[in-house]
Amino acid sequence: MFQRVFMCLVIVVMAVTGAPAEEPAGAEREPLVVALDGSGQYRSIQEAVDAAKKGDTILIRPGAYAEDVTIHSKENVRLIGAGMDQVTILGRERVGVFHIGKWPYGATNIEISGITVNEHGGHAMGMFNGRGIHFHHSRVKGMLFTQQVEDVRIEDCLIGGSETTGIQFANSQAVMRRNFIHDNDHGVSVAGKSTVRLERNVITRSLFEAVIVNDQSRAILVGNTFVKNGGGAAFLGTSQNEASGNIVSLNTYGFVVSASSRVLLSYNAMQNSGSNYLRSGTPNQPAPELKPDSDLTVDPRFVDTLRDDFRLRADTSLVRIGEFPYLGALPPLTESH
C-alpha cells in the first residue's frame, strides 16, 4: 500500500514539475562508451570527456585515436581503456597529447588506465593544477610532466623514449610505484618544492641519472632498482632526501650529493663502474665517506640484464636485509625456478 502511494506521489511531482525524480543514492549510471566504429555513444574520447558528469566512467574500446585529449573542470571521472596494447592516443596538433587540468582549471579525483599516450612536440602527457589523480597500467611514449598537482599516484606504467626526462615533477606531490622507466635523458626529475616518493620502480638506460632531485624538493627512494644508467641518483640544491633499500648497479656512478642538500642513506646495494658516492662539483669528486655502514657493495645477481630481466636470482645475497625482505624493485626467484 505504501509503495503504491509513493509511486503516485512521484508521478504527481513529475507531472507538476516536468522533471524526472532524482536517482536513488548509490545508483550506478551506465558507462559512456567510446568506439571508432560507432558501436558506442561516442567516436572520440574528448566528446565523452566533455559529456561526463561527476561519478561517470568512460570506457574506450580498442583503436588508435588521432586526437588531443584534455580533462579539466571534472570531478570523480574514470577513463578506462581496453588495455595499453589496444588503445593508443596519437595526438594531432598540440604539444602534449593528453592533458589533465588546464590553467586555471584543474581536475579532481580522476582515474586513467589501460591506454598508451604517444608524444607530440616533445611531450606526451601533462598534469596541471589538479588533485587526486590515479594513472595506472598504461604506457607513455615520451615525457610525463606535472605542475602544481597534489595526491598523484602513478603505478604499474611503462614510461620512456623521451629526449629529455621521462617524468618531471614541478611543485607537485606524488607517489610512484612499480613503474618501468626507460631510455630517457633523465629517468625522473623532482624540482621546485615537490614531494615525491618512489617505491619499487625500475629505471634503466637513462643517459644521465635515473633520478635527479633539485631545488627545495623532498624525495624518498625506497626499494628501487637503478641499473644501466649514466648515474643512480643526484641530490642537489637544498633538497631533503632518503634513499633506502635500493639497488644501484651497472651505472657509470652511484649517488651524487651536493654540499647544500641532505640525504639519509641506508641498506642500498651499490655496484657501479665508477665511484659509488660522489660530491657534486666540476667535476664531481669521489666521496667514500658518504657510505653508511648499512650500504653494501655486492653483485645483485640479476637474472638477465641484456633482456631487462632485473629480478634477482635465487642465490642473491640481497634478501632479508634490514627491514627489507629483498632489496630493489623486483622479488628474487625461488629455488624451484
C-alpha atoms as a PDB file:
ATOM      1  CA  MET A   1       0.000   0.000   0.000  1.00  0.00           C
ATOM      2  CA  PHE A   2       2.826   2.375   0.938  1.00  0.00           C
ATOM      3  CA  GLN A   3       4.717   1.668  -2.318  1.00  0.00           C
ATOM      4  CA  ARG A   4       1.552   2.418  -4.352  1.00  0.00           C
ATOM      5  CA  VAL A   5       1.042   5.753  -2.577  1.00  0.00           C
ATOM      6  CA  PHE A   6       4.747   6.627  -3.018  1.00  0.00           C
ATOM      7  CA  MET A   7       4.668   5.933  -6.754  1.00  0.00           C
ATOM      8  CA  CYS A   8       1.541   8.056  -7.132  1.00  0.00           C
ATOM      9  CA  LEU A   9       3.332  10.945  -5.408  1.00  0.00           C
ATOM     10  CA  VAL A  10       6.313  10.574  -7.763  1.00  0.00           C
ATOM     11  CA  ILE A  11       4.012  10.685 -10.786  1.00  0.00           C
ATOM     12  CA  VAL A  12       2.262  13.797  -9.441  1.00  0.00           C
ATOM     13  CA  VAL A  13       5.630  15.521  -8.820  1.00  0.00           C
ATOM     14  CA  MET A  14       6.796  14.729 -12.347  1.00  0.00           C
ATOM     15  CA  ALA A  15       3.547  15.967 -13.840  1.00  0.00           C
ATOM     16  CA  VAL A  16       3.772  19.255 -11.963  1.00  0.00           C
ATOM     17  CA  THR A  17       7.499  19.983 -12.392  1.00  0.00           C
ATOM     18  CA  GLY A  18       8.100  18.284 -15.718  1.00  0.00           C
ATOM     19  CA  ALA A  19      11.311  16.778 -14.245  1.00  0.00           C
ATOM     20  CA  PRO A  20      12.193  13.153 -13.505  1.00  0.00           C
ATOM     21  CA  ALA A  21      12.739  12.072  -9.944  1.00  0.00           C
ATOM     22  CA  GLU A  22      16.357  12.033  -8.760  1.00  0.00           C
ATOM     23  CA  GLU A  23      18.324   8.813  -8.993  1.00  0.00           C
ATOM     24  CA  PRO A  24      18.375   6.798  -5.783  1.00  0.00           C
ATOM     25  CA  ALA A  25      21.504   7.296  -3.709  1.00  0.00           C
ATOM     26  CA  GLY A  26      24.233   4.868  -4.768  1.00  0.00           C
ATOM     27  CA  ALA A  27      22.655   4.090  -8.142  1.00  0.00           C
ATOM     28  CA  GLU A  28      25.268   3.395 -10.848  1.00  0.00           C
ATOM     29  CA  ARG A  29      24.979   5.062 -14.213  1.00  0.00           C
ATOM     30  CA  GLU A  30      25.762   3.227 -17.410  1.00  0.00           C
ATOM     31  CA  PRO A  31      29.300   3.890 -18.653  1.00  0.00           C
ATOM     32  CA  LEU A  32      29.996   6.188 -21.562  1.00  0.00           C
ATOM     33  CA  VAL A  33      31.476   4.090 -24.375  1.00  0.00           C
ATOM     34  CA  VAL A  34      33.902   5.380 -26.992  1.00  0.00           C
ATOM     35  CA  ALA A  35      34.416   3.349 -30.159  1.00  0.00           C
ATOM     36  CA  LEU A  36      35.839   4.330 -33.520  1.00  0.00           C
ATOM     37  CA  ASP A  37      33.403   2.062 -35.363  1.00  0.00           C
ATOM     38  CA  GLY A  38      30.367   3.827 -33.941  1.00  0.00           C
ATOM     39  CA  SER A  39      29.307   0.977 -31.650  1.00  0.00           C
ATOM     40  CA  GLY A  40      29.477   3.285 -28.605  1.00  0.00           C
ATOM     41  CA  GLN A  41      27.791   6.563 -27.805  1.00  0.00           C
ATOM     42  CA  TYR A  42      30.890   8.494 -28.933  1.00  0.00           C
ATOM     43  CA  ARG A  43      33.534   8.195 -31.624  1.00  0.00           C
ATOM     44  CA  SER A  44      36.073  10.449 -29.880  1.00  0.00           C
ATOM     45  CA  ILE A  45      37.445  10.384 -26.355  1.00  0.00           C
ATOM     46  CA  GLN A  46      37.178  14.161 -25.983  1.00  0.00           C
ATOM     47  CA  GLU A  47      33.447  14.106 -26.759  1.00  0.00           C
ATOM     48  CA  ALA A  48      32.902  11.569 -23.990  1.00  0.00           C
ATOM     49  CA  VAL A  49      35.053  13.576 -21.561  1.00  0.00           C
ATOM     50  CA  ASP A  50      33.096  16.744 -22.302  1.00  0.00           C
ATOM     51  CA  ALA A  51      29.806  14.921 -21.662  1.00  0.00           C
ATOM     52  CA  ALA A  52      30.965  13.175 -18.470  1.00  0.00           C
ATOM     53  CA  LYS A  53      29.422  14.143 -15.150  1.00  0.00           C
ATOM     54  CA  LYS A  54      30.608  13.526 -11.600  1.00  0.00           C
ATOM     55  CA  GLY A  55      30.851   9.789 -10.974  1.00  0.00           C
ATOM     56  CA  ASP A  56      30.870   8.755 -14.648  1.00  0.00           C
ATOM     57  CA  THR A  57      33.056   6.044 -16.159  1.00  0.00           C
ATOM     58  CA  ILE A  58      34.282   6.296 -19.748  1.00  0.00           C
ATOM     59  CA  LEU A  59      35.187   3.018 -21.472  1.00  0.00           C
ATOM     60  CA  ILE A  60      37.467   3.216 -24.518  1.00  0.00           C
ATOM     61  CA  ARG A  61      37.293   0.353 -26.995  1.00  0.00           C
ATOM     62  CA  PRO A  62      40.366  -0.730 -28.984  1.00  0.00           C
ATOM     63  CA  GLY A  63      41.726   1.608 -31.614  1.00  0.00           C
ATOM     64  CA  ALA A  64      44.208   4.355 -32.499  1.00  0.00           C
ATOM     65  CA  TYR A  65      42.618   7.704 -31.680  1.00  0.00           C
ATOM     66  CA  ALA A  66      44.042  10.618 -33.690  1.00  0.00           C
ATOM     67  CA  GLU A  67      43.085  13.358 -31.254  1.00  0.00           C
ATOM     68  CA  ASP A  68      44.269  15.516 -28.376  1.00  0.00           C
ATOM     69  CA  VAL A  69      42.513  14.952 -25.039  1.00  0.00           C
ATOM     70  CA  THR A  70      42.031  17.355 -22.131  1.00  0.00           C
ATOM     71  CA  ILE A  71      40.242  16.621 -18.862  1.00  0.00           C
ATOM     72  CA  HIS A  72      39.534  19.781 -16.862  1.00  0.00           C
ATOM     73  CA  SER A  73      36.841  21.079 -14.518  1.00  0.00           C
ATOM     74  CA  LYS A  74      35.823  17.470 -13.868  1.00  0.00           C
ATOM     75  CA  GLU A  75      35.472  15.527 -10.622  1.00  0.00           C
ATOM     76  CA  ASN A  76      35.302  11.782  -9.914  1.00  0.00           C
ATOM     77  CA  VAL A  77      35.616  10.633 -13.512  1.00  0.00           C
ATOM     78  CA  ARG A  78      37.193   7.316 -14.572  1.00  0.00           C
ATOM     79  CA  LEU A  79      38.654   6.802 -18.046  1.00  0.00           C
ATOM     80  CA  ILE A  80      39.345   3.119 -18.633  1.00  0.00           C
ATOM     81  CA  GLY A  81      40.912   1.888 -21.862  1.00  0.00           C
ATOM     82  CA  ALA A  82      40.753  -1.671 -23.196  1.00  0.00           C
ATOM     83  CA  GLY A  83      44.488  -2.039 -22.469  1.00  0.00           C
ATOM     84  CA  MET A  84      47.774  -0.287 -23.189  1.00  0.00           C
ATOM     85  CA  ASP A  85      48.363  -2.573 -26.181  1.00  0.00           C
ATOM     86  CA  GLN A  86      44.884  -1.950 -27.580  1.00  0.00           C
ATOM     87  CA  VAL A  87      44.186   1.768 -27.110  1.00  0.00           C
ATOM     88  CA  THR A  88      46.603   4.418 -28.423  1.00  0.00           C
ATOM     89  CA  ILE A  89      46.057   8.169 -28.290  1.00  0.00           C
ATOM     90  CA  LEU A  90      48.068   9.579 -31.166  1.00  0.00           C
ATOM     91  CA  GLY A  91      47.559  13.312 -30.748  1.00  0.00           C
ATOM     92  CA  ARG A  92      47.036  15.721 -33.578  1.00  0.00           C
ATOM     93  CA  GLU A  93      48.073  19.355 -33.244  1.00  0.00           C
ATOM     94  CA  ARG A  94      49.005  20.260 -29.671  1.00  0.00           C
ATOM     95  CA  VAL A  95      52.282  19.955 -27.796  1.00  0.00           C
ATOM     96  CA  GLY A  96      51.390  17.212 -25.313  1.00  0.00           C
ATOM     97  CA  VAL A  97      48.729  14.737 -26.371  1.00  0.00           C
ATOM     98  CA  PHE A  98      46.876  14.156 -23.084  1.00  0.00           C
ATOM     99  CA  HIS A  99      46.326  16.909 -20.503  1.00  0.00           C
ATOM    100  CA  ILE A 100      44.711  16.576 -17.081  1.00  0.00           C
ATOM    101  CA  GLY A 101      43.895  20.067 -15.874  1.00  0.00           C
ATOM    102  CA  LYS A 102      44.254  23.268 -17.861  1.00  0.00           C
ATOM    103  CA  TRP A 103      45.220  26.651 -16.470  1.00  0.00           C
ATOM    104  CA  PRO A 104      43.471  27.988 -14.495  1.00  0.00           C
ATOM    105  CA  TYR A 105      41.112  24.989 -14.287  1.00  0.00           C
ATOM    106  CA  GLY A 106      42.106  21.765 -12.595  1.00  0.00           C
ATOM    107  CA  ALA A 107      40.569  18.331 -12.235  1.00  0.00           C
ATOM    108  CA  THR A 108      39.868  16.338  -9.082  1.00  0.00           C
ATOM    109  CA  ASN A 109      39.788  12.585  -8.398  1.00  0.00           C
ATOM    110  CA  ILE A 110      40.499  11.408 -11.934  1.00  0.00           C
ATOM    111  CA  GLU A 111      41.437   7.787 -12.712  1.00  0.00           C
ATOM    112  CA  ILE A 112      43.029   6.771 -16.014  1.00  0.00           C
ATOM    113  CA  SER A 113      44.189   3.299 -17.054  1.00  0.00           C
ATOM    114  CA  GLY A 114      44.562   0.927 -19.979  1.00  0.00           C
ATOM    115  CA  ILE A 115      45.882   3.351 -22.607  1.00  0.00           C
ATOM    116  CA  THR A 116      49.055   4.303 -24.495  1.00  0.00           C
ATOM    117  CA  VAL A 117      49.813   8.006 -24.947  1.00  0.00           C
ATOM    118  CA  ASN A 118      52.179   8.991 -27.761  1.00  0.00           C
ATOM    119  CA  GLU A 119      54.400  12.043 -27.660  1.00  0.00           C
ATOM    120  CA  HIS A 120      53.861  15.094 -29.818  1.00  0.00           C
ATOM    121  CA  GLY A 121      56.068  18.159 -29.839  1.00  0.00           C
ATOM    122  CA  GLY A 122      58.357  16.702 -27.191  1.00  0.00           C
ATOM    123  CA  HIS A 123      55.667  15.958 -24.590  1.00  0.00           C
ATOM    124  CA  ALA A 124      53.213  13.117 -24.229  1.00  0.00           C
ATOM    125  CA  MET A 125      51.188  13.784 -21.078  1.00  0.00           C
ATOM    126  CA  GLY A 126      50.727  16.711 -18.700  1.00  0.00           C
ATOM    127  CA  MET A 127      49.043  17.068 -15.306  1.00  0.00           C
ATOM    128  CA  PHE A 128      48.321  20.632 -14.207  1.00  0.00           C
ATOM    129  CA  ASN A 129      46.689  22.220 -11.190  1.00  0.00           C
ATOM    130  CA  GLY A 130      44.798  19.058 -10.209  1.00  0.00           C
ATOM    131  CA  ARG A 131      44.349  16.794  -7.217  1.00  0.00           C
ATOM    132  CA  GLY A 132      43.704  13.094  -6.633  1.00  0.00           C
ATOM    133  CA  ILE A 133      44.938  11.755  -9.984  1.00  0.00           C
ATOM    134  CA  HIS A 134      45.466   7.995 -10.321  1.00  0.00           C
ATOM    135  CA  PHE A 135      47.273   6.950 -13.504  1.00  0.00           C
ATOM    136  CA  HIS A 136      47.991   3.238 -13.778  1.00  0.00           C
ATOM    137  CA  HIS A 137      48.543   0.236 -16.072  1.00  0.00           C
ATOM    138  CA  SER A 138      49.306   2.498 -19.008  1.00  0.00           C
ATOM    139  CA  ARG A 139      52.177   3.392 -21.343  1.00  0.00           C
ATOM    140  CA  VAL A 140      53.633   6.821 -22.063  1.00  0.00           C
ATOM    141  CA  LYS A 141      55.900   7.212 -25.088  1.00  0.00           C
ATOM    142  CA  GLY A 142      57.678  10.441 -24.214  1.00  0.00           C
ATOM    143  CA  MET A 143      57.635  12.838 -21.263  1.00  0.00           C
ATOM    144  CA  LEU A 144      55.031  12.905 -18.499  1.00  0.00           C
ATOM    145  CA  PHE A 145      55.097  16.381 -16.961  1.00  0.00           C
ATOM    146  CA  THR A 146      53.369  17.566 -13.785  1.00  0.00           C
ATOM    147  CA  GLN A 147      52.997  21.075 -12.376  1.00  0.00           C
ATOM    148  CA  GLN A 148      51.226  22.046  -9.152  1.00  0.00           C
ATOM    149  CA  VAL A 149      49.309  18.793  -8.742  1.00  0.00           C
ATOM    150  CA  GLU A 150      48.628  17.023  -5.455  1.00  0.00           C
ATOM    151  CA  ASP A 151      47.919  13.452  -4.414  1.00  0.00           C
ATOM    152  CA  VAL A 152      49.096  11.907  -7.688  1.00  0.00           C
ATOM    153  CA  ARG A 153      49.636   8.149  -7.967  1.00  0.00           C
ATOM    154  CA  ILE A 154      51.499   6.729 -10.948  1.00  0.00           C
ATOM    155  CA  GLU A 155      51.532   2.939 -10.742  1.00  0.00           C
ATOM    156  CA  ASP A 156      52.358  -0.069 -12.947  1.00  0.00           C
ATOM    157  CA  CYS A 157      53.174   2.053 -16.012  1.00  0.00           C
ATOM    158  CA  LEU A 158      55.760   1.890 -18.803  1.00  0.00           C
ATOM    159  CA  ILE A 159      57.266   5.328 -19.415  1.00  0.00           C
ATOM    160  CA  GLY A 160      60.107   6.049 -21.805  1.00  0.00           C
ATOM    161  CA  GLY A 161      61.537   7.299 -25.048  1.00  0.00           C
ATOM    162  CA  SER A 162      61.758  10.959 -24.043  1.00  0.00           C
ATOM    163  CA  GLU A 163      64.555  13.081 -25.465  1.00  0.00           C
ATOM    164  CA  THR A 164      64.663  14.887 -22.120  1.00  0.00           C
ATOM    165  CA  THR A 165      63.066  13.472 -18.952  1.00  0.00           C
ATOM    166  CA  GLY A 166      60.755  10.507 -18.505  1.00  0.00           C
ATOM    167  CA  ILE A 167      58.754  12.028 -15.630  1.00  0.00           C
ATOM    168  CA  GLN A 168      59.228  15.582 -14.428  1.00  0.00           C
ATOM    169  CA  PHE A 169      57.630  16.892 -11.224  1.00  0.00           C
ATOM    170  CA  ALA A 170      57.401  20.640 -10.622  1.00  0.00           C
ATOM    171  CA  ASN A 171      55.895  21.816  -7.309  1.00  0.00           C
ATOM    172  CA  SER A 172      53.900  18.577  -7.088  1.00  0.00           C
ATOM    173  CA  GLN A 173      53.131  15.850  -4.573  1.00  0.00           C
ATOM    174  CA  ALA A 174      53.181  12.306  -5.936  1.00  0.00           C
ATOM    175  CA  VAL A 175      53.818   8.620  -5.321  1.00  0.00           C
ATOM    176  CA  MET A 176      55.306   6.336  -7.976  1.00  0.00           C
ATOM    177  CA  ARG A 177      55.101   2.575  -7.557  1.00  0.00           C
ATOM    178  CA  ARG A 178      56.107  -0.420  -9.709  1.00  0.00           C
ATOM    179  CA  ASN A 179      56.808   1.527 -12.895  1.00  0.00           C
ATOM    180  CA  PHE A 180      59.349   0.667 -15.605  1.00  0.00           C
ATOM    181  CA  ILE A 181      61.062   3.868 -16.777  1.00  0.00           C
ATOM    182  CA  HIS A 182      63.475   3.546 -19.653  1.00  0.00           C
ATOM    183  CA  ASP A 183      65.502   5.257 -22.383  1.00  0.00           C
ATOM    184  CA  ASN A 184      65.346   8.918 -21.340  1.00  0.00           C
ATOM    185  CA  ASP A 185      67.964  11.606 -20.718  1.00  0.00           C
ATOM    186  CA  HIS A 186      66.908  11.577 -17.042  1.00  0.00           C
ATOM    187  CA  GLY A 187      64.525   9.000 -15.653  1.00  0.00           C
ATOM    188  CA  VAL A 188      62.735  11.133 -13.026  1.00  0.00           C
ATOM    189  CA  SER A 189      63.281  14.809 -12.219  1.00  0.00           C
ATOM    190  CA  VAL A 190      61.948  16.305  -8.972  1.00  0.00           C
ATOM    191  CA  ALA A 191      62.092  20.101  -8.861  1.00  0.00           C
ATOM    192  CA  GLY A 192      60.706  23.198  -7.185  1.00  0.00           C
ATOM    193  CA  LYS A 193      59.030  22.352  -3.885  1.00  0.00           C
ATOM    194  CA  SER A 194      57.873  18.879  -4.894  1.00  0.00           C
ATOM    195  CA  THR A 195      57.464  15.949  -2.522  1.00  0.00           C
ATOM    196  CA  VAL A 196      57.762  12.600  -4.291  1.00  0.00           C
ATOM    197  CA  ARG A 197      58.021   9.002  -3.094  1.00  0.00           C
ATOM    198  CA  LEU A 198      59.472   6.389  -5.463  1.00  0.00           C
ATOM    199  CA  GLU A 199      58.848   2.806  -4.430  1.00  0.00           C
ATOM    200  CA  ARG A 200      59.661  -0.443  -6.288  1.00  0.00           C
ATOM    201  CA  ASN A 201      60.369   1.216  -9.642  1.00  0.00           C
ATOM    202  CA  VAL A 202      62.885   0.036 -12.243  1.00  0.00           C
ATOM    203  CA  ILE A 203      64.732   2.858 -14.020  1.00  0.00           C
ATOM    204  CA  THR A 204      67.158   1.893 -16.769  1.00  0.00           C
ATOM    205  CA  ARG A 205      69.071   3.250 -19.751  1.00  0.00           C
ATOM    206  CA  SER A 206      68.946   6.911 -18.731  1.00  0.00           C
ATOM    207  CA  LEU A 207      71.674   8.935 -20.434  1.00  0.00           C
ATOM    208  CA  PHE A 208      72.310  10.759 -17.159  1.00  0.00           C
ATOM    209  CA  GLU A 209      70.894   9.970 -13.686  1.00  0.00           C
ATOM    210  CA  ALA A 210      67.948   7.690 -13.047  1.00  0.00           C
ATOM    211  CA  VAL A 211      66.677  10.284 -10.532  1.00  0.00           C
ATOM    212  CA  ILE A 212      67.650  13.916 -10.053  1.00  0.00           C
ATOM    213  CA  VAL A 213      66.278  15.924  -7.106  1.00  0.00           C
ATOM    214  CA  ASN A 214      66.782  19.666  -7.083  1.00  0.00           C
ATOM    215  CA  ASP A 215      65.764  22.991  -5.532  1.00  0.00           C
ATOM    216  CA  GLN A 216      63.760  22.677  -2.277  1.00  0.00           C
ATOM    217  CA  SER A 217      62.227  19.323  -3.107  1.00  0.00           C
ATOM    218  CA  ARG A 218      61.930  16.243  -0.946  1.00  0.00           C
ATOM    219  CA  ALA A 219      62.329  12.733  -2.338  1.00  0.00           C
ATOM    220  CA  ILE A 220      62.040   9.344  -0.662  1.00  0.00           C
ATOM    221  CA  LEU A 221      63.511   6.471  -2.688  1.00  0.00           C
ATOM    222  CA  VAL A 222      62.615   3.066  -1.264  1.00  0.00           C
ATOM    223  CA  GLY A 223      63.245  -0.319  -2.818  1.00  0.00           C
ATOM    224  CA  ASN A 224      64.000   0.769  -6.384  1.00  0.00           C
ATOM    225  CA  THR A 225      66.341  -0.679  -8.998  1.00  0.00           C
ATOM    226  CA  PHE A 226      68.505   1.856 -10.860  1.00  0.00           C
ATOM    227  CA  VAL A 227      70.508  -0.082 -13.412  1.00  0.00           C
ATOM    228  CA  LYS A 228      72.438   0.683 -16.614  1.00  0.00           C
ATOM    229  CA  ASN A 229      72.097   4.474 -16.337  1.00  0.00           C
ATOM    230  CA  GLY A 230      74.641   7.255 -16.518  1.00  0.00           C
ATOM    231  CA  GLY A 231      74.213   7.603 -12.753  1.00  0.00           C
ATOM    232  CA  GLY A 232      71.989   6.336  -9.971  1.00  0.00           C
ATOM    233  CA  ALA A 233      70.627   9.462  -8.259  1.00  0.00           C
ATOM    234  CA  ALA A 234      71.718  13.076  -7.805  1.00  0.00           C
ATOM    235  CA  PHE A 235      70.628  15.048  -4.738  1.00  0.00           C
ATOM    236  CA  LEU A 236      71.193  18.718  -5.494  1.00  0.00           C
ATOM    237  CA  GLY A 237      70.078  22.191  -4.396  1.00  0.00           C
ATOM    238  CA  THR A 238      68.743  22.286  -0.850  1.00  0.00           C
ATOM    239  CA  SER A 239      66.724  19.104  -1.303  1.00  0.00           C
ATOM    240  CA  GLN A 240      65.973  16.794   1.639  1.00  0.00           C
ATOM    241  CA  ASN A 241      66.106  13.087   0.787  1.00  0.00           C
ATOM    242  CA  GLU A 242      66.065   9.497   1.944  1.00  0.00           C
ATOM    243  CA  ALA A 243      67.340   6.524  -0.057  1.00  0.00           C
ATOM    244  CA  SER A 244      66.903   3.082   1.446  1.00  0.00           C
ATOM    245  CA  GLY A 245      66.717  -0.471   0.156  1.00  0.00           C
ATOM    246  CA  ASN A 246      67.638   0.417  -3.428  1.00  0.00           C
ATOM    247  CA  ILE A 247      69.829  -1.461  -5.882  1.00  0.00           C
ATOM    248  CA  VAL A 248      72.118   0.973  -7.705  1.00  0.00           C
ATOM    249  CA  SER A 249      74.099  -1.191 -10.094  1.00  0.00           C
ATOM    250  CA  LEU A 250      75.814  -1.212 -13.503  1.00  0.00           C
ATOM    251  CA  ASN A 251      75.650   2.577 -13.767  1.00  0.00           C
ATOM    252  CA  THR A 252      78.638   4.781 -14.516  1.00  0.00           C
ATOM    253  CA  TYR A 253      78.409   6.123 -10.952  1.00  0.00           C
ATOM    254  CA  GLY A 254      76.096   5.785  -7.955  1.00  0.00           C
ATOM    255  CA  PHE A 255      74.886   8.677  -5.750  1.00  0.00           C
ATOM    256  CA  VAL A 256      75.861  12.332  -6.261  1.00  0.00           C
ATOM    257  CA  VAL A 257      75.288  14.630  -3.280  1.00  0.00           C
ATOM    258  CA  SER A 258      75.729  18.388  -3.210  1.00  0.00           C
ATOM    259  CA  ALA A 259      77.073  20.091  -0.094  1.00  0.00           C
ATOM    260  CA  SER A 260      73.815  22.038   0.289  1.00  0.00           C
ATOM    261  CA  SER A 261      71.473  19.027   0.110  1.00  0.00           C
ATOM    262  CA  ARG A 262      70.785  16.356   2.711  1.00  0.00           C
ATOM    263  CA  VAL A 263      70.325  12.651   2.163  1.00  0.00           C
ATOM    264  CA  LEU A 264      69.905   9.782   4.604  1.00  0.00           C
ATOM    265  CA  LEU A 265      71.290   6.576   3.085  1.00  0.00           C
ATOM    266  CA  SER A 266      70.696   3.066   4.391  1.00  0.00           C
ATOM    267  CA  TYR A 267      70.702  -0.515   3.120  1.00  0.00           C
ATOM    268  CA  ASN A 268      71.476   0.270  -0.510  1.00  0.00           C
ATOM    269  CA  ALA A 269      73.316  -2.216  -2.736  1.00  0.00           C
ATOM    270  CA  MET A 270      75.938  -0.381  -4.783  1.00  0.00           C
ATOM    271  CA  GLN A 271      77.988  -1.757  -7.684  1.00  0.00           C
ATOM    272  CA  ASN A 272      78.927   0.739 -10.394  1.00  0.00           C
ATOM    273  CA  SER A 273      81.812   1.098 -12.814  1.00  0.00           C
ATOM    274  CA  GLY A 274      82.923   4.423 -11.307  1.00  0.00           C
ATOM    275  CA  SER A 275      82.579   5.815  -7.812  1.00  0.00           C
ATOM    276  CA  ASN A 276      79.567   4.730  -5.813  1.00  0.00           C
ATOM    277  CA  TYR A 277      79.482   8.041  -3.882  1.00  0.00           C
ATOM    278  CA  LEU A 278      80.321  11.475  -5.239  1.00  0.00           C
ATOM    279  CA  ARG A 279      80.253  15.084  -4.091  1.00  0.00           C
ATOM    280  CA  SER A 280      78.835  17.294  -6.823  1.00  0.00           C
ATOM    281  CA  GLY A 281      81.242  19.680  -8.474  1.00  0.00           C
ATOM    282  CA  THR A 282      83.010  20.419 -11.735  1.00  0.00           C
ATOM    283  CA  PRO A 283      83.944  17.651 -11.997  1.00  0.00           C
ATOM    284  CA  ASN A 284      82.254  15.534  -9.334  1.00  0.00           C
ATOM    285  CA  GLN A 285      84.622  14.215  -6.701  1.00  0.00           C
ATOM    286  CA  PRO A 286      84.698  10.723  -5.142  1.00  0.00           C
ATOM    287  CA  ALA A 287      83.324  10.817  -1.606  1.00  0.00           C
ATOM    288  CA  PRO A 288      83.669   7.378   0.004  1.00  0.00           C
ATOM    289  CA  GLU A 289      82.954   8.984   3.398  1.00  0.00           C
ATOM    290  CA  LEU A 290      79.280   9.243   2.350  1.00  0.00           C
ATOM    291  CA  LYS A 291      78.892   5.474   2.520  1.00  0.00           C
ATOM    292  CA  PRO A 292      76.901   4.427   5.595  1.00  0.00           C
ATOM    293  CA  ASP A 293      77.729   1.196   7.397  1.00  0.00           C
ATOM    294  CA  SER A 294      74.499  -0.447   6.225  1.00  0.00           C
ATOM    295  CA  ASP A 295      75.146   0.034   2.490  1.00  0.00           C
ATOM    296  CA  LEU A 296      76.502  -2.973   0.608  1.00  0.00           C
ATOM    297  CA  THR A 297      78.955  -3.333  -2.243  1.00  0.00           C
ATOM    298  CA  VAL A 298      77.900  -6.552  -3.948  1.00  0.00           C
ATOM    299  CA  ASP A 299      76.787  -8.083  -7.254  1.00  0.00           C
ATOM    300  CA  PRO A 300      72.968  -8.180  -7.109  1.00  0.00           C
ATOM    301  CA  ARG A 301      72.823 -11.330  -9.282  1.00  0.00           C
ATOM    302  CA  PHE A 302      70.215 -10.163 -11.801  1.00  0.00           C
ATOM    303  CA  VAL A 303      68.546 -12.835 -13.931  1.00  0.00           C
ATOM    304  CA  ASP A 304      69.383 -11.335 -17.355  1.00  0.00           C
ATOM    305  CA  THR A 305      70.401  -7.691 -17.747  1.00  0.00           C
ATOM    306  CA  LEU A 306      70.644  -7.972 -21.551  1.00  0.00           C
ATOM    307  CA  ARG A 307      66.919  -8.733 -21.708  1.00  0.00           C
ATOM    308  CA  ASP A 308      65.940  -6.245 -18.991  1.00  0.00           C
ATOM    309  CA  ASP A 309      65.125  -9.024 -16.537  1.00  0.00           C
ATOM    310  CA  PHE A 310      66.179  -7.329 -13.320  1.00  0.00           C
ATOM    311  CA  ARG A 311      64.706  -9.899 -10.995  1.00  0.00           C
ATOM    312  CA  LEU A 312      67.192 -11.332  -8.529  1.00  0.00           C
ATOM    313  CA  ARG A 313      68.438 -14.881  -8.876  1.00  0.00           C
ATOM    314  CA  ALA A 314      67.640 -17.361  -6.167  1.00  0.00           C
ATOM    315  CA  ASP A 315      71.256 -17.246  -4.961  1.00  0.00           C
ATOM    316  CA  THR A 316      71.335 -13.465  -4.441  1.00  0.00           C
ATOM    317  CA  SER A 317      72.586 -12.170  -1.120  1.00  0.00           C
ATOM    318  CA  LEU A 318      70.160  -9.236  -1.170  1.00  0.00           C
ATOM    319  CA  VAL A 319      67.414 -10.857   0.895  1.00  0.00           C
ATOM    320  CA  ARG A 320      66.422 -10.200   4.489  1.00  0.00           C
ATOM    321  CA  ILE A 321      68.478  -7.013   4.659  1.00  0.00           C
ATOM    322  CA  GLY A 322      67.450  -4.663   7.445  1.00  0.00           C
ATOM    323  CA  GLU A 323      63.653  -4.362   7.386  1.00  0.00           C
ATOM    324  CA  PHE A 324      63.517  -5.397   3.708  1.00  0.00           C
ATOM    325  CA  PRO A 325      62.552  -8.915   2.571  1.00  0.00           C
ATOM    326  CA  TYR A 326      64.675  -8.129  -0.507  1.00  0.00           C
ATOM    327  CA  LEU A 327      66.428  -5.082  -1.923  1.00  0.00           C
ATOM    328  CA  GLY A 328      65.426  -3.435  -5.170  1.00  0.00           C
ATOM    329  CA  ALA A 329      62.179  -3.344  -7.115  1.00  0.00           C
ATOM    330  CA  LEU A 330      61.622  -6.970  -8.074  1.00  0.00           C
ATOM    331  CA  PRO A 331      61.424 -10.079  -5.883  1.00  0.00           C
ATOM    332  CA  PRO A 332      64.045 -12.806  -6.283  1.00  0.00           C
ATOM    333  CA  LEU A 333      63.326 -16.091  -7.973  1.00  0.00           C
ATOM    334  CA  THR A 334      62.637 -19.041  -5.727  1.00  0.00           C
ATOM    335  CA  GLU A 335      64.844 -22.128  -5.704  1.00  0.00           C
ATOM    336  CA  SER A 336      62.227 -24.000  -7.769  1.00  0.00           C
ATOM    337  CA  HIS A 337      62.623 -21.679 -10.796  1.00  0.00           C
END
